[in-house]
Amino acid sequence: MQVIAVHDKRAYLKPFYVLKYLAEKMIKLYDWFVLLPDNTFVRGFKLNEFLNHISISQDLYMGQAFDDVHAVYCYFGSGIILSGVCIEKF
């Protein structure tokens, strides 16, 4: 397991550093990326079942809307699902 250090003190930028790292280092290894806090319970079988019904070539950025229903960003604390195609565009 590799640990990546982020030395930027601005906590709000950490998700962007994660996306940058995924786009640069991990994009060829996986079709889907699920970003979750470490205290989140996941029903892996159900998540896999759900993702198997979505094309891996589709742009997917899914999660809870940040602050209101008109937000363009998902709240990182609730978890985010991203397709590899979507991360490639990052």
PDB file of N, CA and C in Angstrom:
ATOM      1  N   MET A   1       0.848  -1.172   0.000  1.00  0.00           N
ATOM      2  CA  MET A   1       0.000   0.000   0.000  1.00  0.00           C
ATOM      3  C   MET A   1       0.892   1.232   0.000  1.00  0.00           C
ATOM      4  N   GLN A   2       0.538   2.161  -0.816  1.00  0.00           N
ATOM      5  CA  GLN A   2       1.307   3.387  -0.937  1.00  0.00           C
ATOM      6  C   GLN A   2       0.565   4.521  -0.243  1.00  0.00           C
ATOM      7  N   VAL A   3       1.280   5.313   0.525  1.00  0.00           N
ATOM      8  CA  VAL A   3       0.699   6.475   1.195  1.00  0.00           C
ATOM      9  C   VAL A   3       1.196   7.718   0.478  1.00  0.00           C
ATOM     10  N   ILE A   4       0.268   8.568   0.110  1.00  0.00           N
ATOM     11  CA  ILE A   4       0.593   9.805  -0.587  1.00  0.00           C
ATOM     12  C   ILE A   4       0.375  10.970   0.369  1.00  0.00           C
ATOM     13  N   ALA A   5       1.372  11.797   0.527  1.00  0.00           N
ATOM     14  CA  ALA A   5       1.265  12.958   1.419  1.00  0.00           C
ATOM     15  C   ALA A   5       0.846  14.186   0.624  1.00  0.00           C
ATOM     16  N   VAL A   6      -0.077  14.931   1.182  1.00  0.00           N
ATOM     17  CA  VAL A   6      -0.494  16.208   0.609  1.00  0.00           C
ATOM     18  C   VAL A   6      -0.049  17.281   1.591  1.00  0.00           C
ATOM     19  N   HIS A   7       0.810  18.166   1.143  1.00  0.00           N
ATOM     20  CA  HIS A   7       1.392  19.163   2.035  1.00  0.00           C
ATOM     21  C   HIS A   7       0.672  20.505   1.992  1.00  0.00           C
ATOM     22  N   ASP A   8      -0.385  20.586   1.240  1.00  0.00           N
ATOM     23  CA  ASP A   8      -1.171  21.819   1.177  1.00  0.00           C
ATOM     24  C   ASP A   8      -2.065  21.890   2.408  1.00  0.00           C
ATOM     25  N   LYS A   9      -2.015  22.977   3.127  1.00  0.00           N
ATOM     26  CA  LYS A   9      -2.784  23.122   4.374  1.00  0.00           C
ATOM     27  C   LYS A   9      -4.265  23.417   4.127  1.00  0.00           C
ATOM     28  N   ARG A  10      -4.632  23.731   2.900  1.00  0.00           N
ATOM     29  CA  ARG A  10      -6.028  24.044   2.585  1.00  0.00           C
ATOM     30  C   ARG A  10      -6.810  22.743   2.400  1.00  0.00           C
ATOM     31  N   ALA A  11      -7.539  22.360   3.441  1.00  0.00           N
ATOM     32  CA  ALA A  11      -8.251  21.075   3.457  1.00  0.00           C
ATOM     33  C   ALA A  11      -9.257  20.949   2.317  1.00  0.00           C
ATOM     34  N   TYR A  12      -9.852  22.049   1.899  1.00  0.00           N
ATOM     35  CA  TYR A  12     -10.866  21.987   0.847  1.00  0.00           C
ATOM     36  C   TYR A  12     -10.282  21.564  -0.500  1.00  0.00           C
ATOM     37  N   LEU A  13      -8.967  21.607  -0.659  1.00  0.00           N
ATOM     38  CA  LEU A  13      -8.342  21.201  -1.915  1.00  0.00           C
ATOM     39  C   LEU A  13      -7.963  19.718  -1.955  1.00  0.00           C
ATOM     40  N   LYS A  14      -8.034  19.032  -0.831  1.00  0.00           N
ATOM     41  CA  LYS A  14      -7.609  17.630  -0.789  1.00  0.00           C
ATOM     42  C   LYS A  14      -8.352  16.733  -1.781  1.00  0.00           C
ATOM     43  N   PRO A  15      -9.677  16.871  -1.938  1.00  0.00           N
ATOM     44  CA  PRO A  15     -10.346  16.030  -2.951  1.00  0.00           C
ATOM     45  C   PRO A  15      -9.794  16.249  -4.361  1.00  0.00           C
ATOM     46  N   PHE A  16      -9.371  17.468  -4.662  1.00  0.00           N
ATOM     47  CA  PHE A  16      -8.819  17.742  -5.989  1.00  0.00           C
ATOM     48  C   PHE A  16      -7.447  17.090  -6.165  1.00  0.00           C
ATOM     49  N   TYR A  17      -6.665  17.036  -5.094  1.00  0.00           N
ATOM     50  CA  TYR A  17      -5.391  16.318  -5.142  1.00  0.00           C
ATOM     51  C   TYR A  17      -5.622  14.821  -5.342  1.00  0.00           C
ATOM     52  N   VAL A  18      -6.656  14.291  -4.721  1.00  0.00           N
ATOM     53  CA  VAL A  18      -7.001  12.876  -4.897  1.00  0.00           C
ATOM     54  C   VAL A  18      -7.358  12.614  -6.357  1.00  0.00           C
ATOM     55  N   LEU A  19      -8.192  13.455  -6.934  1.00  0.00           N
ATOM     56  CA  LEU A  19      -8.587  13.283  -8.336  1.00  0.00           C
ATOM     57  C   LEU A  19      -7.384  13.392  -9.269  1.00  0.00           C
ATOM     58  N   LYS A  20      -6.508  14.326  -8.997  1.00  0.00           N
ATOM     59  CA  LYS A  20      -5.299  14.495  -9.811  1.00  0.00           C
ATOM     60  C   LYS A  20      -4.442  13.230  -9.748  1.00  0.00           C
ATOM     61  N   TYR A  21      -4.265  12.687  -8.560  1.00  0.00           N
ATOM     62  CA  TYR A  21      -3.477  11.465  -8.401  1.00  0.00           C
ATOM     63  C   TYR A  21      -4.125  10.295  -9.149  1.00  0.00           C
ATOM     64  N   LEU A  22      -5.429  10.142  -9.010  1.00  0.00           N
ATOM     65  CA  LEU A  22      -6.126   9.058  -9.713  1.00  0.00           C
ATOM     66  C   LEU A  22      -5.971   9.194 -11.220  1.00  0.00           C
ATOM     67  N   ALA A  23      -6.112  10.413 -11.721  1.00  0.00           N
ATOM     68  CA  ALA A  23      -6.008  10.654 -13.161  1.00  0.00           C
ATOM     69  C   ALA A  23      -4.601  10.364 -13.678  1.00  0.00           C
ATOM     70  N   GLU A  24      -3.593  10.656 -12.878  1.00  0.00           N
ATOM     71  CA  GLU A  24      -2.212  10.477 -13.323  1.00  0.00           C
ATOM     72  C   GLU A  24      -1.682   9.061 -13.109  1.00  0.00           C
ATOM     73  N   LYS A  25      -2.095   8.397 -12.029  1.00  0.00           N
ATOM     74  CA  LYS A  25      -1.451   7.137 -11.642  1.00  0.00           C
ATOM     75  C   LYS A  25      -2.335   5.893 -11.714  1.00  0.00           C
ATOM     76  N   MET A  26      -3.639   6.037 -11.578  1.00  0.00           N
ATOM     77  CA  MET A  26      -4.502   4.864 -11.419  1.00  0.00           C
ATOM     78  C   MET A  26      -5.516   4.663 -12.541  1.00  0.00           C
ATOM     79  N   ILE A  27      -5.604   5.577 -13.464  1.00  0.00           N
ATOM     80  CA  ILE A  27      -6.692   5.603 -14.435  1.00  0.00           C
ATOM     81  C   ILE A  27      -6.754   4.338 -15.307  1.00  0.00           C
ATOM     82  N   LYS A  28      -5.632   3.740 -15.614  1.00  0.00           N
ATOM     83  CA  LYS A  28      -5.613   2.560 -16.490  1.00  0.00           C
ATOM     84  C   LYS A  28      -5.941   1.264 -15.746  1.00  0.00           C
ATOM     85  N   LEU A  29      -5.988   1.319 -14.426  1.00  0.00           N
ATOM     86  CA  LEU A  29      -6.172   0.104 -13.633  1.00  0.00           C
ATOM     87  C   LEU A  29      -7.627  -0.241 -13.336  1.00  0.00           C
ATOM     88  N   TYR A  30      -8.512   0.764 -13.326  1.00  0.00           N
ATOM     89  CA  TYR A  30      -9.890   0.547 -12.877  1.00  0.00           C
ATOM     90  C   TYR A  30     -10.885   1.253 -13.794  1.00  0.00           C
ATOM     91  N   ASP A  31     -12.107   0.718 -13.844  1.00  0.00           N
ATOM     92  CA  ASP A  31     -13.196   1.348 -14.597  1.00  0.00           C
ATOM     93  C   ASP A  31     -13.966   2.336 -13.738  1.00  0.00           C
ATOM     94  N   TRP A  32     -14.064   2.048 -12.439  1.00  0.00           N
ATOM     95  CA  TRP A  32     -14.837   2.871 -11.507  1.00  0.00           C
ATOM     96  C   TRP A  32     -13.975   3.267 -10.316  1.00  0.00           C
ATOM     97  N   PHE A  33     -14.244   4.440  -9.790  1.00  0.00           N
ATOM     98  CA  PHE A  33     -13.563   4.920  -8.592  1.00  0.00           C
ATOM     99  C   PHE A  33     -14.631   5.341  -7.588  1.00  0.00           C
ATOM    100  N   VAL A  34     -14.549   4.790  -6.406  1.00  0.00           N
ATOM    101  CA  VAL A  34     -15.492   5.102  -5.338  1.00  0.00           C
ATOM    102  C   VAL A  34     -14.687   5.749  -4.219  1.00  0.00           C
ATOM    103  N   LEU A  35     -14.956   7.009  -3.968  1.00  0.00           N
ATOM    104  CA  LEU A  35     -14.237   7.763  -2.941  1.00  0.00           C
ATOM    105  C   LEU A  35     -15.147   7.917  -1.736  1.00  0.00           C
ATOM    106  N   LEU A  36     -14.714   7.372  -0.610  1.00  0.00           N
ATOM    107  CA  LEU A  36     -15.534   7.350   0.598  1.00  0.00           C
ATOM    108  C   LEU A  36     -14.701   7.717   1.813  1.00  0.00           C
ATOM    109  N   PRO A  37     -15.328   8.321   2.812  1.00  0.00           N
ATOM    110  CA  PRO A  37     -14.635   8.496   4.088  1.00  0.00           C
ATOM    111  C   PRO A  37     -14.383   7.124   4.720  1.00  0.00           C
ATOM    112  N   ASP A  38     -13.423   7.050   5.606  1.00  0.00           N
ATOM    113  CA  ASP A  38     -13.057   5.762   6.198  1.00  0.00           C
ATOM    114  C   ASP A  38     -14.085   5.208   7.179  1.00  0.00           C
ATOM    115  N   ASN A  39     -15.101   5.965   7.515  1.00  0.00           N
ATOM    116  CA  ASN A  39     -16.126   5.477   8.442  1.00  0.00           C
ATOM    117  C   ASN A  39     -17.441   5.136   7.736  1.00  0.00           C
ATOM    118  N   THR A  40     -17.387   4.889   6.436  1.00  0.00           N
ATOM    119  CA  THR A  40     -18.580   4.602   5.647  1.00  0.00           C
ATOM    120  C   THR A  40     -18.739   3.101   5.435  1.00  0.00           C
ATOM    121  N   PHE A  41     -19.942   2.595   5.682  1.00  0.00           N
ATOM    122  CA  PHE A  41     -20.266   1.190   5.430  1.00  0.00           C
ATOM    123  C   PHE A  41     -20.772   1.064   4.001  1.00  0.00           C
ATOM    124  N   VAL A  42     -20.257   0.092   3.276  1.00  0.00           N
ATOM    125  CA  VAL A  42     -20.655  -0.124   1.887  1.00  0.00           C
ATOM    126  C   VAL A  42     -21.128  -1.562   1.717  1.00  0.00           C
ATOM    127  N   ARG A  43     -22.271  -1.706   1.089  1.00  0.00           N
ATOM    128  CA  ARG A  43     -22.743  -3.040   0.695  1.00  0.00           C
ATOM    129  C   ARG A  43     -22.142  -3.308  -0.681  1.00  0.00           C
ATOM    130  N   GLY A  44     -20.945  -3.881  -0.668  1.00  0.00           N
ATOM    131  CA  GLY A  44     -20.157  -4.066  -1.882  1.00  0.00           C
ATOM    132  C   GLY A  44     -20.881  -4.812  -2.985  1.00  0.00           C
ATOM    133  N   PHE A  45     -21.613  -5.859  -2.631  1.00  0.00           N
ATOM    134  CA  PHE A  45     -22.347  -6.625  -3.635  1.00  0.00           C
ATOM    135  C   PHE A  45     -23.374  -5.739  -4.336  1.00  0.00           C
ATOM    136  N   LYS A  46     -24.100  -4.937  -3.565  1.00  0.00           N
ATOM    137  CA  LYS A  46     -25.115  -4.046  -4.153  1.00  0.00           C
ATOM    138  C   LYS A  46     -24.468  -2.965  -5.017  1.00  0.00           C
ATOM    139  N   LEU A  47     -23.348  -2.436  -4.562  1.00  0.00           N
ATOM    140  CA  LEU A  47     -22.638  -1.425  -5.349  1.00  0.00           C
ATOM    141  C   LEU A  47     -22.164  -2.029  -6.666  1.00  0.00           C
ATOM    142  N   ASN A  48     -21.592  -3.215  -6.611  1.00  0.00           N
ATOM    143  CA  ASN A  48     -21.145  -3.903  -7.816  1.00  0.00           C
ATOM    144  C   ASN A  48     -22.317  -4.186  -8.752  1.00  0.00           C
ATOM    145  N   GLU A  49     -23.420  -4.642  -8.193  1.00  0.00           N
ATOM    146  CA  GLU A  49     -24.628  -4.914  -8.976  1.00  0.00           C
ATOM    147  C   GLU A  49     -25.112  -3.645  -9.684  1.00  0.00           C
ATOM    148  N   PHE A  50     -25.108  -2.532  -8.976  1.00  0.00           N
ATOM    149  CA  PHE A  50     -25.527  -1.253  -9.547  1.00  0.00           C
ATOM    150  C   PHE A  50     -24.594  -0.824 -10.683  1.00  0.00           C
ATOM    151  N   LEU A  51     -23.281  -0.877 -10.428  1.00  0.00           N
ATOM    152  CA  LEU A  51     -22.318  -0.415 -11.428  1.00  0.00           C
ATOM    153  C   LEU A  51     -22.274  -1.313 -12.657  1.00  0.00           C
ATOM    154  N   ASN A  52     -22.614  -2.580 -12.499  1.00  0.00           N
ATOM    155  CA  ASN A  52     -22.641  -3.489 -13.649  1.00  0.00           C
ATOM    156  C   ASN A  52     -23.740  -3.139 -14.646  1.00  0.00           C
ATOM    157  N   HIS A  53     -24.690  -2.317 -14.258  1.00  0.00           N
ATOM    158  CA  HIS A  53     -25.771  -1.904 -15.151  1.00  0.00           C
ATOM    159  C   HIS A  53     -25.494  -0.569 -15.838  1.00  0.00           C
ATOM    160  N   ILE A  54     -24.327  -0.020 -15.615  1.00  0.00           N
ATOM    161  CA  ILE A  54     -23.961   1.266 -16.209  1.00  0.00           C
ATOM    162  C   ILE A  54     -22.761   1.044 -17.124  1.00  0.00           C
ATOM    163  N   SER A  55     -22.800   1.633 -18.295  1.00  0.00           N
ATOM    164  CA  SER A  55     -21.703   1.499 -19.250  1.00  0.00           C
ATOM    165  C   SER A  55     -20.448   2.184 -18.716  1.00  0.00           C
ATOM    166  N   ILE A  56     -19.301   1.511 -18.847  1.00  0.00           N
ATOM    167  CA  ILE A  56     -18.049   2.108 -18.381  1.00  0.00           C
ATOM    168  C   ILE A  56     -17.596   3.255 -19.280  1.00  0.00           C
ATOM    169  N   SER A  57     -18.224   3.413 -20.435  1.00  0.00           N
ATOM    170  CA  SER A  57     -17.871   4.524 -21.321  1.00  0.00           C
ATOM    171  C   SER A  57     -18.704   5.776 -21.035  1.00  0.00           C
ATOM    172  N   GLN A  58     -19.611   5.677 -20.084  1.00  0.00           N
ATOM    173  CA  GLN A  58     -20.487   6.804 -19.726  1.00  0.00           C
ATOM    174  C   GLN A  58     -19.809   7.691 -18.682  1.00  0.00           C
ATOM    175  N   ASP A  59     -19.909   8.994 -18.867  1.00  0.00           N
ATOM    176  CA  ASP A  59     -19.449   9.928 -17.837  1.00  0.00           C
ATOM    177  C   ASP A  59     -20.362   9.775 -16.633  1.00  0.00           C
ATOM    178  N   LEU A  60     -19.788   9.449 -15.494  1.00  0.00           N
ATOM    179  CA  LEU A  60     -20.597   9.324 -14.288  1.00  0.00           C
ATOM    180  C   LEU A  60     -19.902  10.021 -13.135  1.00  0.00           C
ATOM    181  N   TYR A  61     -20.624  10.928 -12.530  1.00  0.00           N
ATOM    182  CA  TYR A  61     -20.178  11.654 -11.338  1.00  0.00           C
ATOM    183  C   TYR A  61     -21.393  11.665 -10.432  1.00  0.00           C
ATOM    184  N   MET A  62     -21.403  10.784  -9.429  1.00  0.00           N
ATOM    185  CA  MET A  62     -22.608  10.586  -8.643  1.00  0.00           C
ATOM    186  C   MET A  62     -22.305  10.708  -7.156  1.00  0.00           C
ATOM    187  N   GLY A  63     -23.205  11.378  -6.468  1.00  0.00           N
ATOM    188  CA  GLY A  63     -23.101  11.523  -5.020  1.00  0.00           C
ATOM    189  C   GLY A  63     -24.194  12.455  -4.537  1.00  0.00           C
ATOM    190  N   GLN A  64     -24.127  12.813  -3.279  1.00  0.00           N
ATOM    191  CA  GLN A  64     -25.100  13.750  -2.707  1.00  0.00           C
ATOM    192  C   GLN A  64     -24.718  15.173  -3.106  1.00  0.00           C
ATOM    193  N   ALA A  65     -25.688  15.933  -3.608  1.00  0.00           N
ATOM    194  CA  ALA A  65     -25.428  17.319  -4.007  1.00  0.00           C
ATOM    195  C   ALA A  65     -24.923  18.125  -2.815  1.00  0.00           C
ATOM    196  N   PHE A  66     -23.929  18.937  -3.057  1.00  0.00           N
ATOM    197  CA  PHE A  66     -23.335  19.761  -2.011  1.00  0.00           C
ATOM    198  C   PHE A  66     -24.243  20.948  -1.714  1.00  0.00           C
ATOM    199  N   ASP A  67     -24.754  21.019  -0.505  1.00  0.00           N
ATOM    200  CA  ASP A  67     -25.569  22.115   0.028  1.00  0.00           C
ATOM    201  C   ASP A  67     -27.001  22.205  -0.493  1.00  0.00           C
ATOM    202  N   ASP A  68     -27.231  22.136  -1.797  1.00  0.00           N
ATOM    203  CA  ASP A  68     -28.601  22.231  -2.299  1.00  0.00           C
ATOM    204  C   ASP A  68     -28.746  21.448  -3.599  1.00  0.00           C
ATOM    205  N   VAL A  69     -29.965  21.303  -4.055  1.00  0.00           N
ATOM    206  CA  VAL A  69     -30.229  20.488  -5.248  1.00  0.00           C
ATOM    207  C   VAL A  69     -29.703  21.116  -6.530  1.00  0.00           C
ATOM    208  N   HIS A  70     -29.372  22.399  -6.511  1.00  0.00           N
ATOM    209  CA  HIS A  70     -28.855  23.069  -7.702  1.00  0.00           C
ATOM    210  C   HIS A  70     -27.329  23.105  -7.727  1.00  0.00           C
ATOM    211  N   ALA A  71     -26.690  22.456  -6.761  1.00  0.00           N
ATOM    212  CA  ALA A  71     -25.232  22.445  -6.689  1.00  0.00           C
ATOM    213  C   ALA A  71     -24.655  21.631  -7.844  1.00  0.00           C
ATOM    214  N   VAL A  72     -23.463  21.995  -8.262  1.00  0.00           N
ATOM    215  CA  VAL A  72     -22.796  21.267  -9.340  1.00  0.00           C
ATOM    216  C   VAL A  72     -21.734  20.307  -8.803  1.00  0.00           C
ATOM    217  N   TYR A  73     -21.517  20.316  -7.501  1.00  0.00           N
ATOM    218  CA  TYR A  73     -20.533  19.430  -6.881  1.00  0.00           C
ATOM    219  C   TYR A  73     -21.211  18.480  -5.909  1.00  0.00           C
ATOM    220  N   CYS A  74     -20.620  17.310  -5.758  1.00  0.00           N
ATOM    221  CA  CYS A  74     -21.099  16.344  -4.770  1.00  0.00           C
ATOM    222  C   CYS A  74     -20.317  16.517  -3.475  1.00  0.00           C
ATOM    223  N   TYR A  75     -20.982  16.217  -2.382  1.00  0.00           N
ATOM    224  CA  TYR A  75     -20.381  16.317  -1.059  1.00  0.00           C
ATOM    225  C   TYR A  75     -19.442  15.130  -0.845  1.00  0.00           C
ATOM    226  N   PHE A  76     -18.169  15.401  -0.645  1.00  0.00           N
ATOM    227  CA  PHE A  76     -17.161  14.353  -0.505  1.00  0.00           C
ATOM    228  C   PHE A  76     -17.411  13.474   0.719  1.00  0.00           C
ATOM    229  N   GLY A  77     -17.965  14.045   1.765  1.00  0.00           N
ATOM    230  CA  GLY A  77     -18.203  13.315   3.004  1.00  0.00           C
ATOM    231  C   GLY A  77     -19.230  12.206   2.888  1.00  0.00           C
ATOM    232  N   SER A  78     -20.073  12.248   1.872  1.00  0.00           N
ATOM    233  CA  SER A  78     -21.074  11.196   1.664  1.00  0.00           C
ATOM    234  C   SER A  78     -20.609  10.141   0.677  1.00  0.00           C
ATOM    235  N   GLY A  79     -19.501  10.384   0.048  1.00  0.00           N
ATOM    236  CA  GLY A  79     -18.978   9.455  -0.941  1.00  0.00           C
ATOM    237  C   GLY A  79     -19.326   9.879  -2.355  1.00  0.00           C
ATOM    238  N   ILE A  80     -18.448   9.537  -3.273  1.00  0.00           N
ATOM    239  CA  ILE A  80     -18.607   9.904  -4.679  1.00  0.00           C
ATOM    240  C   ILE A  80     -18.239   8.697  -5.531  1.00  0.00           C
ATOM    241  N   ILE A  81     -19.019   8.467  -6.575  1.00  0.00           N
ATOM    242  CA  ILE A  81     -18.700   7.441  -7.564  1.00  0.00           C
ATOM    243  C   ILE A  81     -18.335   8.163  -8.853  1.00  0.00           C
ATOM    244  N   LEU A  82     -17.186   7.800  -9.412  1.00  0.00           N
ATOM    245  CA  LEU A  82     -16.716   8.411 -10.655  1.00  0.00           C
ATOM    246  C   LEU A  82     -16.339   7.320 -11.648  1.00  0.00           C
ATOM    247  N   SER A  83     -16.716   7.521 -12.891  1.00  0.00           N
ATOM    248  CA  SER A  83     -16.263   6.594 -13.927  1.00  0.00           C
ATOM    249  C   SER A  83     -14.847   6.984 -14.334  1.00  0.00           C
ATOM    250  N   GLY A  84     -14.098   6.006 -14.832  1.00  0.00           N
ATOM    251  CA  GLY A  84     -12.753   6.291 -15.314  1.00  0.00           C
ATOM    252  C   GLY A  84     -12.764   7.315 -16.434  1.00  0.00           C
ATOM    253  N   VAL A  85     -13.777   7.253 -17.286  1.00  0.00           N
ATOM    254  CA  VAL A  85     -13.911   8.210 -18.388  1.00  0.00           C
ATOM    255  C   VAL A  85     -14.049   9.633 -17.848  1.00  0.00           C
ATOM    256  N   CYS A  86     -14.796   9.779 -16.784  1.00  0.00           N
ATOM    257  CA  CYS A  86     -14.992  11.090 -16.167  1.00  0.00           C
ATOM    258  C   CYS A  86     -13.673  11.611 -15.579  1.00  0.00           C
ATOM    259  N   ILE A  87     -12.920  10.747 -14.934  1.00  0.00           N
ATOM    260  CA  ILE A  87     -11.647  11.161 -14.342  1.00  0.00           C
ATOM    261  C   ILE A  87     -10.631  11.509 -15.423  1.00  0.00           C
ATOM    262  N   GLU A  88     -10.667  10.811 -16.546  1.00  0.00           N
ATOM    263  CA  GLU A  88      -9.748  11.130 -17.645  1.00  0.00           C
ATOM    264  C   GLU A  88      -9.925  12.565 -18.121  1.00  0.00           C
ATOM    265  N   LYS A  89     -11.120  13.093 -18.015  1.00  0.00           N
ATOM    266  CA  LYS A  89     -11.395  14.467 -18.445  1.00  0.00           C
ATOM    267  C   LYS A  89     -10.901  15.498 -17.442  1.00  0.00           C
ATOM    268  N   PHE A  90     -10.558  15.025 -16.249  1.00  0.00           N
ATOM    269  CA  PHE A  90     -10.050  15.912 -15.209  1.00  0.00           C
ATOM    270  C   PHE A  90      -8.684  16.371 -15.628  1.00  0.00           C
TER     271      PHE A  90
END
